[in-house]
mmCIF file of all heavy atoms, coordinates in Angstrom:
data_MODEL
# 
_entry.id   MODEL 
# 
loop_
_atom_site.group_PDB 
_atom_site.id 
_atom_site.type_symbol 
_atom_site.label_atom_id 
_atom_site.label_alt_id 
_atom_site.label_comp_id 
_atom_site.label_asym_id 
_atom_site.label_entity_id 
_atom_site.label_seq_id 
_atom_site.pdbx_PDB_ins_code 
_atom_site.Cartn_x 
_atom_site.Cartn_y 
_atom_site.Cartn_z 
_atom_site.occupancy 
_atom_site.B_iso_or_equiv 
_atom_site.pdbx_formal_charge 
_atom_site.auth_seq_id 
_atom_site.auth_comp_id 
_atom_site.auth_asym_id 
_atom_site.auth_atom_id 
_atom_site.pdbx_PDB_model_num 
ATOM 1   N N   . VAL A 1 1  ? 288.716 -56.020 233.568 1.00 0.00 ? 1  VAL A N   1 
ATOM 2   C CA  . VAL A 1 1  ? 289.340 -54.681 233.467 1.00 0.00 ? 1  VAL A CA  1 
ATOM 3   C C   . VAL A 1 1  ? 288.627 -53.699 234.421 1.00 0.00 ? 1  VAL A C   1 
ATOM 4   O O   . VAL A 1 1  ? 289.287 -52.957 235.152 1.00 0.00 ? 1  VAL A O   1 
ATOM 5   C CB  . VAL A 1 1  ? 289.264 -54.141 232.018 1.00 0.00 ? 1  VAL A CB  1 
ATOM 6   C CG1 . VAL A 1 1  ? 289.719 -52.709 231.955 1.00 0.00 ? 1  VAL A CG1 1 
ATOM 7   C CG2 . VAL A 1 1  ? 290.129 -55.030 231.116 1.00 0.00 ? 1  VAL A CG2 1 
ATOM 8   N N   . VAL A 1 2  ? 287.284 -53.714 234.399 1.00 0.00 ? 2  VAL A N   1 
ATOM 9   C CA  . VAL A 1 2  ? 286.529 -52.831 235.296 1.00 0.00 ? 2  VAL A CA  1 
ATOM 10  C C   . VAL A 1 2  ? 286.862 -53.142 236.757 1.00 0.00 ? 2  VAL A C   1 
ATOM 11  O O   . VAL A 1 2  ? 287.101 -52.221 237.568 1.00 0.00 ? 2  VAL A O   1 
ATOM 12  C CB  . VAL A 1 2  ? 284.999 -52.988 235.049 1.00 0.00 ? 2  VAL A CB  1 
ATOM 13  C CG1 . VAL A 1 2  ? 284.215 -52.209 236.105 1.00 0.00 ? 2  VAL A CG1 1 
ATOM 14  C CG2 . VAL A 1 2  ? 284.667 -52.484 233.641 1.00 0.00 ? 2  VAL A CG2 1 
ATOM 15  N N   . LYS A 1 3  ? 286.908 -54.414 237.090 1.00 0.00 ? 3  LYS A N   1 
ATOM 16  C CA  . LYS A 1 3  ? 287.217 -54.813 238.490 1.00 0.00 ? 3  LYS A CA  1 
ATOM 17  C C   . LYS A 1 3  ? 288.593 -54.341 238.888 1.00 0.00 ? 3  LYS A C   1 
ATOM 18  O O   . LYS A 1 3  ? 288.809 -53.854 240.003 1.00 0.00 ? 3  LYS A O   1 
ATOM 19  C CB  . LYS A 1 3  ? 287.121 -56.334 238.604 1.00 0.00 ? 3  LYS A CB  1 
ATOM 20  C CG  . LYS A 1 3  ? 287.311 -56.852 240.018 1.00 0.00 ? 3  LYS A CG  1 
ATOM 21  C CD  . LYS A 1 3  ? 287.112 -58.348 240.102 1.00 0.00 ? 3  LYS A CD  1 
ATOM 22  C CE  . LYS A 1 3  ? 287.299 -58.863 241.515 1.00 0.00 ? 3  LYS A CE  1 
ATOM 23  N NZ  . LYS A 1 3  ? 287.115 -60.356 241.600 1.00 0.00 ? 3  LYS A NZ  1 
ATOM 24  N N   . GLU A 1 4  ? 289.569 -54.461 237.969 1.00 0.00 ? 4  GLU A N   1 
ATOM 25  C CA  . GLU A 1 4  ? 290.912 -54.044 238.260 1.00 0.00 ? 4  GLU A CA  1 
ATOM 26  C C   . GLU A 1 4  ? 290.992 -52.531 238.474 1.00 0.00 ? 4  GLU A C   1 
ATOM 27  O O   . GLU A 1 4  ? 291.643 -52.025 239.404 1.00 0.00 ? 4  GLU A O   1 
ATOM 28  C CB  . GLU A 1 4  ? 291.843 -54.442 237.107 1.00 0.00 ? 4  GLU A CB  1 
ATOM 29  C CG  . GLU A 1 4  ? 293.297 -54.020 237.295 1.00 0.00 ? 4  GLU A CG  1 
ATOM 30  C CD  . GLU A 1 4  ? 294.154 -54.287 236.070 1.00 0.00 ? 4  GLU A CD  1 
ATOM 31  O OE1 . GLU A 1 4  ? 293.720 -55.097 235.227 1.00 0.00 ? 4  GLU A OE1 1 
ATOM 32  O OE2 . GLU A 1 4  ? 295.218 -53.652 235.962 1.00 0.00 ? 4  GLU A OE2 1 
ATOM 33  N N   . HIS A 1 5  ? 290.309 -51.764 237.618 1.00 0.00 ? 5  HIS A N   1 
ATOM 34  C CA  . HIS A 1 5  ? 290.308 -50.304 237.762 1.00 0.00 ? 5  HIS A CA  1 
ATOM 35  C C   . HIS A 1 5  ? 289.686 -49.881 239.076 1.00 0.00 ? 5  HIS A C   1 
ATOM 36  O O   . HIS A 1 5  ? 290.170 -48.940 239.727 1.00 0.00 ? 5  HIS A O   1 
ATOM 37  C CB  . HIS A 1 5  ? 289.573 -49.678 236.603 1.00 0.00 ? 5  HIS A CB  1 
ATOM 38  C CG  . HIS A 1 5  ? 290.336 -49.695 235.301 1.00 0.00 ? 5  HIS A CG  1 
ATOM 39  N ND1 . HIS A 1 5  ? 290.077 -48.812 234.284 1.00 0.00 ? 5  HIS A ND1 1 
ATOM 40  C CD2 . HIS A 1 5  ? 291.338 -50.502 234.885 1.00 0.00 ? 5  HIS A CD2 1 
ATOM 41  C CE1 . HIS A 1 5  ? 290.904 -49.071 233.275 1.00 0.00 ? 5  HIS A CE1 1 
ATOM 42  N NE2 . HIS A 1 5  ? 291.660 -50.089 233.620 1.00 0.00 ? 5  HIS A NE2 1 
ATOM 43  N N   . ILE A 1 6  ? 288.622 -50.568 239.473 1.00 0.00 ? 6  ILE A N   1 
ATOM 44  C CA  . ILE A 1 6  ? 287.939 -50.234 240.732 1.00 0.00 ? 6  ILE A CA  1 
ATOM 45  C C   . ILE A 1 6  ? 288.815 -50.595 241.930 1.00 0.00 ? 6  ILE A C   1 
ATOM 46  O O   . ILE A 1 6  ? 288.960 -49.791 242.869 1.00 0.00 ? 6  ILE A O   1 
ATOM 47  C CB  . ILE A 1 6  ? 286.585 -50.959 240.821 1.00 0.00 ? 6  ILE A CB  1 
ATOM 48  C CG1 . ILE A 1 6  ? 285.600 -50.395 239.794 1.00 0.00 ? 6  ILE A CG1 1 
ATOM 49  C CG2 . ILE A 1 6  ? 286.000 -50.836 242.235 1.00 0.00 ? 6  ILE A CG2 1 
ATOM 50  C CD1 . ILE A 1 6  ? 284.298 -51.153 239.701 1.00 0.00 ? 6  ILE A CD1 1 
ATOM 51  N N   . THR A 1 7  ? 289.401 -51.788 241.893 1.00 0.00 ? 7  THR A N   1 
ATOM 52  C CA  . THR A 1 7  ? 290.220 -52.246 243.003 1.00 0.00 ? 7  THR A CA  1 
ATOM 53  C C   . THR A 1 7  ? 291.419 -51.345 243.223 1.00 0.00 ? 7  THR A C   1 
ATOM 54  O O   . THR A 1 7  ? 291.758 -50.965 244.362 1.00 0.00 ? 7  THR A O   1 
ATOM 55  C CB  . THR A 1 7  ? 290.711 -53.696 242.755 1.00 0.00 ? 7  THR A CB  1 
ATOM 56  O OG1 . THR A 1 7  ? 289.598 -54.556 242.583 1.00 0.00 ? 7  THR A OG1 1 
ATOM 57  C CG2 . THR A 1 7  ? 291.557 -54.217 243.883 1.00 0.00 ? 7  THR A CG2 1 
ATOM 58  N N   . ASN A 1 8  ? 292.068 -50.946 242.147 1.00 0.00 ? 8  ASN A N   1 
ATOM 59  C CA  . ASN A 1 8  ? 293.282 -50.133 242.224 1.00 0.00 ? 8  ASN A CA  1 
ATOM 60  C C   . ASN A 1 8  ? 292.991 -48.621 242.228 1.00 0.00 ? 8  ASN A C   1 
ATOM 61  O O   . ASN A 1 8  ? 293.894 -47.816 242.411 1.00 0.00 ? 8  ASN A O   1 
ATOM 62  C CB  . ASN A 1 8  ? 294.226 -50.428 241.059 1.00 0.00 ? 8  ASN A CB  1 
ATOM 63  C CG  . ASN A 1 8  ? 294.699 -51.873 241.053 1.00 0.00 ? 8  ASN A CG  1 
ATOM 64  O OD1 . ASN A 1 8  ? 294.841 -52.477 242.117 1.00 0.00 ? 8  ASN A OD1 1 
ATOM 65  N ND2 . ASN A 1 8  ? 294.943 -52.427 239.878 1.00 0.00 ? 8  ASN A ND2 1 
ATOM 66  N N   . ARG A 1 9  ? 291.705 -48.302 241.999 1.00 0.00 ? 9  ARG A N   1 
ATOM 67  C CA  . ARG A 1 9  ? 291.299 -46.903 241.877 1.00 0.00 ? 9  ARG A CA  1 
ATOM 68  C C   . ARG A 1 9  ? 292.228 -46.185 240.914 1.00 0.00 ? 9  ARG A C   1 
ATOM 69  O O   . ARG A 1 9  ? 292.722 -45.070 241.146 1.00 0.00 ? 9  ARG A O   1 
ATOM 70  C CB  . ARG A 1 9  ? 291.257 -46.195 243.232 1.00 0.00 ? 9  ARG A CB  1 
ATOM 71  C CG  . ARG A 1 9  ? 290.133 -46.688 244.112 1.00 0.00 ? 9  ARG A CG  1 
ATOM 72  C CD  . ARG A 1 9  ? 289.788 -45.718 245.228 1.00 0.00 ? 9  ARG A CD  1 
ATOM 73  N NE  . ARG A 1 9  ? 289.293 -44.442 244.756 1.00 0.00 ? 9  ARG A NE  1 
ATOM 74  C CZ  . ARG A 1 9  ? 288.039 -44.214 244.308 1.00 0.00 ? 9  ARG A CZ  1 
ATOM 75  N NH1 . ARG A 1 9  ? 287.174 -45.217 244.253 1.00 0.00 ? 9  ARG A NH1 1 
ATOM 76  N NH2 . ARG A 1 9  ? 287.675 -43.018 243.920 1.00 0.00 ? 9  ARG A NH2 1 
ATOM 77  N N   . ASN A 1 10 ? 292.455 -46.816 239.794 1.00 0.00 ? 10 ASN A N   1 
ATOM 78  C CA  . ASN A 1 10 ? 293.324 -46.292 238.734 1.00 0.00 ? 10 ASN A CA  1 
ATOM 79  C C   . ASN A 1 10 ? 292.482 -46.169 237.477 1.00 0.00 ? 10 ASN A C   1 
ATOM 80  O O   . ASN A 1 10 ? 292.521 -47.016 236.562 1.00 0.00 ? 10 ASN A O   1 
ATOM 81  C CB  . ASN A 1 10 ? 294.499 -47.245 238.524 1.00 0.00 ? 10 ASN A CB  1 
ATOM 82  C CG  . ASN A 1 10 ? 295.633 -46.586 237.755 1.00 0.00 ? 10 ASN A CG  1 
ATOM 83  O OD1 . ASN A 1 10 ? 295.648 -45.364 237.532 1.00 0.00 ? 10 ASN A OD1 1 
ATOM 84  N ND2 . ASN A 1 10 ? 296.614 -47.371 237.371 1.00 0.00 ? 10 ASN A ND2 1 
ATOM 85  N N   . PHE A 1 11 ? 291.676 -45.100 237.441 1.00 0.00 ? 11 PHE A N   1 
ATOM 86  C CA  . PHE A 1 11 ? 290.657 -44.976 236.387 1.00 0.00 ? 11 PHE A CA  1 
ATOM 87  C C   . PHE A 1 11 ? 291.211 -44.312 235.108 1.00 0.00 ? 11 PHE A C   1 
ATOM 88  O O   . PHE A 1 11 ? 292.078 -43.460 235.147 1.00 0.00 ? 11 PHE A O   1 
ATOM 89  C CB  . PHE A 1 11 ? 289.490 -44.129 236.910 1.00 0.00 ? 11 PHE A CB  1 
ATOM 90  C CG  . PHE A 1 11 ? 288.865 -44.673 238.172 1.00 0.00 ? 11 PHE A CG  1 
ATOM 91  C CD1 . PHE A 1 11 ? 288.931 -43.927 239.323 1.00 0.00 ? 11 PHE A CD1 1 
ATOM 92  C CD2 . PHE A 1 11 ? 288.248 -45.903 238.174 1.00 0.00 ? 11 PHE A CD2 1 
ATOM 93  C CE1 . PHE A 1 11 ? 288.358 -44.423 240.513 1.00 0.00 ? 11 PHE A CE1 1 
ATOM 94  C CE2 . PHE A 1 11 ? 287.679 -46.405 239.338 1.00 0.00 ? 11 PHE A CE2 1 
ATOM 95  C CZ  . PHE A 1 11 ? 287.750 -45.663 240.513 1.00 0.00 ? 11 PHE A CZ  1 
ATOM 96  N N   . SER A 1 12 ? 290.622 -44.729 233.985 1.00 0.00 ? 12 SER A N   1 
ATOM 97  C CA  . SER A 1 12 ? 290.859 -44.030 232.731 1.00 0.00 ? 12 SER A CA  1 
ATOM 98  C C   . SER A 1 12 ? 290.054 -42.725 232.720 1.00 0.00 ? 12 SER A C   1 
ATOM 99  O O   . SER A 1 12 ? 289.072 -42.593 233.445 1.00 0.00 ? 12 SER A O   1 
ATOM 100 C CB  . SER A 1 12 ? 290.442 -44.899 231.539 1.00 0.00 ? 12 SER A CB  1 
ATOM 101 O OG  . SER A 1 12 ? 291.261 -46.047 231.433 1.00 0.00 ? 12 SER A OG  1 
ATOM 102 N N   . ARG A 1 13 ? 290.478 -41.800 231.884 1.00 0.00 ? 13 ARG A N   1 
ATOM 103 C CA  . ARG A 1 13 ? 289.715 -40.558 231.774 1.00 0.00 ? 13 ARG A CA  1 
ATOM 104 C C   . ARG A 1 13 ? 288.416 -40.752 231.007 1.00 0.00 ? 13 ARG A C   1 
ATOM 105 O O   . ARG A 1 13 ? 287.419 -40.076 231.293 1.00 0.00 ? 13 ARG A O   1 
ATOM 106 C CB  . ARG A 1 13 ? 290.571 -39.485 231.060 1.00 0.00 ? 13 ARG A CB  1 
ATOM 107 C CG  . ARG A 1 13 ? 291.699 -38.923 231.900 1.00 0.00 ? 13 ARG A CG  1 
ATOM 108 C CD  . ARG A 1 13 ? 292.451 -37.866 231.137 1.00 0.00 ? 13 ARG A CD  1 
ATOM 109 N NE  . ARG A 1 13 ? 293.112 -38.420 229.954 1.00 0.00 ? 13 ARG A NE  1 
ATOM 110 C CZ  . ARG A 1 13 ? 293.541 -37.695 228.931 1.00 0.00 ? 13 ARG A CZ  1 
ATOM 111 N NH1 . ARG A 1 13 ? 293.358 -36.395 228.921 1.00 0.00 ? 13 ARG A NH1 1 
ATOM 112 N NH2 . ARG A 1 13 ? 294.137 -38.272 227.896 1.00 0.00 ? 13 ARG A NH2 1 
ATOM 113 N N   . ILE A 1 14 ? 288.408 -41.699 230.059 1.00 0.00 ? 14 ILE A N   1 
ATOM 114 C CA  . ILE A 1 14 ? 287.250 -41.924 229.201 1.00 0.00 ? 14 ILE A CA  1 
ATOM 115 C C   . ILE A 1 14 ? 286.995 -43.409 229.089 1.00 0.00 ? 14 ILE A C   1 
ATOM 116 O O   . ILE A 1 14 ? 287.922 -44.189 228.877 1.00 0.00 ? 14 ILE A O   1 
ATOM 117 C CB  . ILE A 1 14 ? 287.451 -41.323 227.806 1.00 0.00 ? 14 ILE A CB  1 
ATOM 118 C CG1 . ILE A 1 14 ? 287.928 -39.862 227.893 1.00 0.00 ? 14 ILE A CG1 1 
ATOM 119 C CG2 . ILE A 1 14 ? 286.152 -41.410 226.985 1.00 0.00 ? 14 ILE A CG2 1 
ATOM 120 C CD1 . ILE A 1 14 ? 288.447 -39.305 226.575 1.00 0.00 ? 14 ILE A CD1 1 
ATOM 121 N N   . TYR A 1 15 ? 285.709 -43.787 229.195 1.00 0.00 ? 15 TYR A N   1 
ATOM 122 C CA  . TYR A 1 15 ? 285.316 -45.182 228.974 1.00 0.00 ? 15 TYR A CA  1 
ATOM 123 C C   . TYR A 1 15 ? 284.207 -45.242 227.934 1.00 0.00 ? 15 TYR A C   1 
ATOM 124 O O   . TYR A 1 15 ? 283.343 -44.362 227.871 1.00 0.00 ? 15 TYR A O   1 
ATOM 125 C CB  . TYR A 1 15 ? 284.767 -45.802 230.271 1.00 0.00 ? 15 TYR A CB  1 
ATOM 126 C CG  . TYR A 1 15 ? 285.776 -46.036 231.373 1.00 0.00 ? 15 TYR A CG  1 
ATOM 127 C CD1 . TYR A 1 15 ? 286.031 -45.043 232.319 1.00 0.00 ? 15 TYR A CD1 1 
ATOM 128 C CD2 . TYR A 1 15 ? 286.467 -47.231 231.463 1.00 0.00 ? 15 TYR A CD2 1 
ATOM 129 C CE1 . TYR A 1 15 ? 286.927 -45.263 233.352 1.00 0.00 ? 15 TYR A CE1 1 
ATOM 130 C CE2 . TYR A 1 15 ? 287.367 -47.452 232.491 1.00 0.00 ? 15 TYR A CE2 1 
ATOM 131 C CZ  . TYR A 1 15 ? 287.610 -46.470 233.428 1.00 0.00 ? 15 TYR A CZ  1 
ATOM 132 O OH  . TYR A 1 15 ? 288.508 -46.693 234.445 1.00 0.00 ? 15 TYR A OH  1 
ATOM 133 N N   . LEU A 1 16 ? 284.226 -46.301 227.158 1.00 0.00 ? 16 LEU A N   1 
ATOM 134 C CA  . LEU A 1 16 ? 283.120 -46.605 226.252 1.00 0.00 ? 16 LEU A CA  1 
ATOM 135 C C   . LEU A 1 16 ? 282.632 -48.029 226.504 1.00 0.00 ? 16 LEU A C   1 
ATOM 136 O O   . LEU A 1 16 ? 283.396 -48.993 226.269 1.00 0.00 ? 16 LEU A O   1 
ATOM 137 C CB  . LEU A 1 16 ? 283.534 -46.452 224.783 1.00 0.00 ? 16 LEU A CB  1 
ATOM 138 C CG  . LEU A 1 16 ? 282.529 -46.949 223.732 1.00 0.00 ? 16 LEU A CG  1 
ATOM 139 C CD1 . LEU A 1 16 ? 281.199 -46.203 223.856 1.00 0.00 ? 16 LEU A CD1 1 
ATOM 140 C CD2 . LEU A 1 16 ? 283.100 -46.798 222.329 1.00 0.00 ? 16 LEU A CD2 1 
ATOM 141 N N   . PHE A 1 17 ? 281.404 -48.177 227.021 1.00 0.00 ? 17 PHE A N   1 
ATOM 142 C CA  . PHE A 1 17 ? 280.806 -49.495 227.228 1.00 0.00 ? 17 PHE A CA  1 
ATOM 143 C C   . PHE A 1 17 ? 279.930 -49.779 225.996 1.00 0.00 ? 17 PHE A C   1 
ATOM 144 O O   . PHE A 1 17 ? 279.036 -48.999 225.657 1.00 0.00 ? 17 PHE A O   1 
ATOM 145 C CB  . PHE A 1 17 ? 279.919 -49.487 228.484 1.00 0.00 ? 17 PHE A CB  1 
ATOM 146 C CG  . PHE A 1 17 ? 280.693 -49.502 229.751 1.00 0.00 ? 17 PHE A CG  1 
ATOM 147 C CD1 . PHE A 1 17 ? 281.257 -48.332 230.238 1.00 0.00 ? 17 PHE A CD1 1 
ATOM 148 C CD2 . PHE A 1 17 ? 280.867 -50.667 230.469 1.00 0.00 ? 17 PHE A CD2 1 
ATOM 149 C CE1 . PHE A 1 17 ? 281.987 -48.323 231.451 1.00 0.00 ? 17 PHE A CE1 1 
ATOM 150 C CE2 . PHE A 1 17 ? 281.568 -50.684 231.666 1.00 0.00 ? 17 PHE A CE2 1 
ATOM 151 C CZ  . PHE A 1 17 ? 282.147 -49.515 232.138 1.00 0.00 ? 17 PHE A CZ  1 
ATOM 152 N N   . CYS A 1 18 ? 280.200 -50.904 225.333 1.00 0.00 ? 18 CYS A N   1 
ATOM 153 C CA  . CYS A 1 18 ? 279.446 -51.246 224.134 1.00 0.00 ? 18 CYS A CA  1 
ATOM 154 C C   . CYS A 1 18 ? 279.399 -52.760 223.957 1.00 0.00 ? 18 CYS A C   1 
ATOM 155 O O   . CYS A 1 18 ? 279.885 -53.506 224.820 1.00 0.00 ? 18 CYS A O   1 
ATOM 156 C CB  . CYS A 1 18 ? 280.100 -50.589 222.909 1.00 0.00 ? 18 CYS A CB  1 
ATOM 157 S SG  . CYS A 1 18 ? 281.843 -51.058 222.639 1.00 0.00 ? 18 CYS A SG  1 
ATOM 158 N N   . GLY A 1 19 ? 278.810 -53.220 222.862 1.00 0.00 ? 19 GLY A N   1 
ATOM 159 C CA  . GLY A 1 19 ? 278.711 -54.645 222.598 1.00 0.00 ? 19 GLY A CA  1 
ATOM 160 C C   . GLY A 1 19 ? 277.295 -55.162 222.624 1.00 0.00 ? 19 GLY A C   1 
ATOM 161 O O   . GLY A 1 19 ? 276.339 -54.432 222.940 1.00 0.00 ? 19 GLY A O   1 
ATOM 162 N N   . SER A 1 20 ? 277.118 -56.449 222.338 1.00 0.00 ? 20 SER A N   1 
ATOM 163 C CA  . SER A 1 20 ? 275.793 -57.044 222.198 1.00 0.00 ? 20 SER A CA  1 
ATOM 164 C C   . SER A 1 20 ? 275.179 -57.453 223.518 1.00 0.00 ? 20 SER A C   1 
ATOM 165 O O   . SER A 1 20 ? 273.962 -57.596 223.626 1.00 0.00 ? 20 SER A O   1 
ATOM 166 C CB  . SER A 1 20 ? 275.869 -58.274 221.291 1.00 0.00 ? 20 SER A CB  1 
ATOM 167 O OG  . SER A 1 20 ? 276.766 -59.232 221.818 1.00 0.00 ? 20 SER A OG  1 
ATOM 168 N N   . GLU A 1 21 ? 275.997 -57.625 224.564 1.00 0.00 ? 21 GLU A N   1 
ATOM 169 C CA  . GLU A 1 21 ? 275.469 -58.095 225.848 1.00 0.00 ? 21 GLU A CA  1 
ATOM 170 C C   . GLU A 1 21 ? 275.232 -56.899 226.790 1.00 0.00 ? 21 GLU A C   1 
ATOM 171 O O   . GLU A 1 21 ? 276.101 -56.483 227.554 1.00 0.00 ? 21 GLU A O   1 
ATOM 172 C CB  . GLU A 1 21 ? 276.431 -59.100 226.499 1.00 0.00 ? 21 GLU A CB  1 
ATOM 173 C CG  . GLU A 1 21 ? 275.933 -59.718 227.782 1.00 0.00 ? 21 GLU A CG  1 
ATOM 174 C CD  . GLU A 1 21 ? 274.475 -60.133 227.718 1.00 0.00 ? 21 GLU A CD  1 
ATOM 175 O OE1 . GLU A 1 21 ? 274.153 -61.051 226.962 1.00 0.00 ? 21 GLU A OE1 1 
ATOM 176 O OE2 . GLU A 1 21 ? 273.667 -59.489 228.426 1.00 0.00 ? 21 GLU A OE2 1 
ATOM 177 N N   . GLN A 1 22 ? 273.997 -56.362 226.734 1.00 0.00 ? 22 GLN A N   1 
ATOM 178 C CA  . GLN A 1 22 ? 273.677 -55.165 227.486 1.00 0.00 ? 22 GLN A CA  1 
ATOM 179 C C   . GLN A 1 22 ? 273.616 -55.407 229.001 1.00 0.00 ? 22 GLN A C   1 
ATOM 180 O O   . GLN A 1 22 ? 273.948 -54.523 229.784 1.00 0.00 ? 22 GLN A O   1 
ATOM 181 C CB  . GLN A 1 22 ? 272.325 -54.614 227.014 1.00 0.00 ? 22 GLN A CB  1 
ATOM 182 C CG  . GLN A 1 22 ? 272.335 -54.187 225.560 1.00 0.00 ? 22 GLN A CG  1 
ATOM 183 C CD  . GLN A 1 22 ? 271.023 -53.574 225.134 1.00 0.00 ? 22 GLN A CD  1 
ATOM 184 O OE1 . GLN A 1 22 ? 270.370 -52.890 225.896 1.00 0.00 ? 22 GLN A OE1 1 
ATOM 185 N NE2 . GLN A 1 22 ? 270.629 -53.827 223.877 1.00 0.00 ? 22 GLN A NE2 1 
ATOM 186 N N   . TYR A 1 23 ? 273.212 -56.608 229.401 1.00 0.00 ? 23 TYR A N   1 
ATOM 187 C CA  . TYR A 1 23 ? 273.076 -56.905 230.830 1.00 0.00 ? 23 TYR A CA  1 
ATOM 188 C C   . TYR A 1 23 ? 274.432 -56.765 231.517 1.00 0.00 ? 23 TYR A C   1 
ATOM 189 O O   . TYR A 1 23 ? 274.564 -56.070 232.535 1.00 0.00 ? 23 TYR A O   1 
ATOM 190 C CB  . TYR A 1 23 ? 272.529 -58.325 231.011 1.00 0.00 ? 23 TYR A CB  1 
ATOM 191 C CG  . TYR A 1 23 ? 272.412 -58.782 232.430 1.00 0.00 ? 23 TYR A CG  1 
ATOM 192 C CD1 . TYR A 1 23 ? 271.314 -58.434 233.222 1.00 0.00 ? 23 TYR A CD1 1 
ATOM 193 C CD2 . TYR A 1 23 ? 273.409 -59.564 233.025 1.00 0.00 ? 23 TYR A CD2 1 
ATOM 194 C CE1 . TYR A 1 23 ? 271.214 -58.870 234.540 1.00 0.00 ? 23 TYR A CE1 1 
ATOM 195 C CE2 . TYR A 1 23 ? 273.325 -60.005 234.320 1.00 0.00 ? 23 TYR A CE2 1 
ATOM 196 C CZ  . TYR A 1 23 ? 272.229 -59.656 235.087 1.00 0.00 ? 23 TYR A CZ  1 
ATOM 197 O OH  . TYR A 1 23 ? 272.126 -60.076 236.387 1.00 0.00 ? 23 TYR A OH  1 
ATOM 198 N N   . LEU A 1 24 ? 275.461 -57.424 231.013 1.00 0.00 ? 24 LEU A N   1 
ATOM 199 C CA  . LEU A 1 24 ? 276.793 -57.367 231.581 1.00 0.00 ? 24 LEU A CA  1 
ATOM 200 C C   . LEU A 1 24 ? 277.372 -55.963 231.491 1.00 0.00 ? 24 LEU A C   1 
ATOM 201 O O   . LEU A 1 24 ? 278.010 -55.474 232.420 1.00 0.00 ? 24 LEU A O   1 
ATOM 202 C CB  . LEU A 1 24 ? 277.718 -58.352 230.898 1.00 0.00 ? 24 LEU A CB  1 
ATOM 203 C CG  . LEU A 1 24 ? 277.507 -59.844 231.209 1.00 0.00 ? 24 LEU A CG  1 
ATOM 204 C CD1 . LEU A 1 24 ? 278.521 -60.686 230.444 1.00 0.00 ? 24 LEU A CD1 1 
ATOM 205 C CD2 . LEU A 1 24 ? 277.626 -60.115 232.704 1.00 0.00 ? 24 LEU A CD2 1 
# 
């Protein structure tokens, strides 16, 4: 999803990054 948003430069207004895998 992140790659697609960057490639198309079609960003959401708000993002929440969460989850158990902090490195990714």
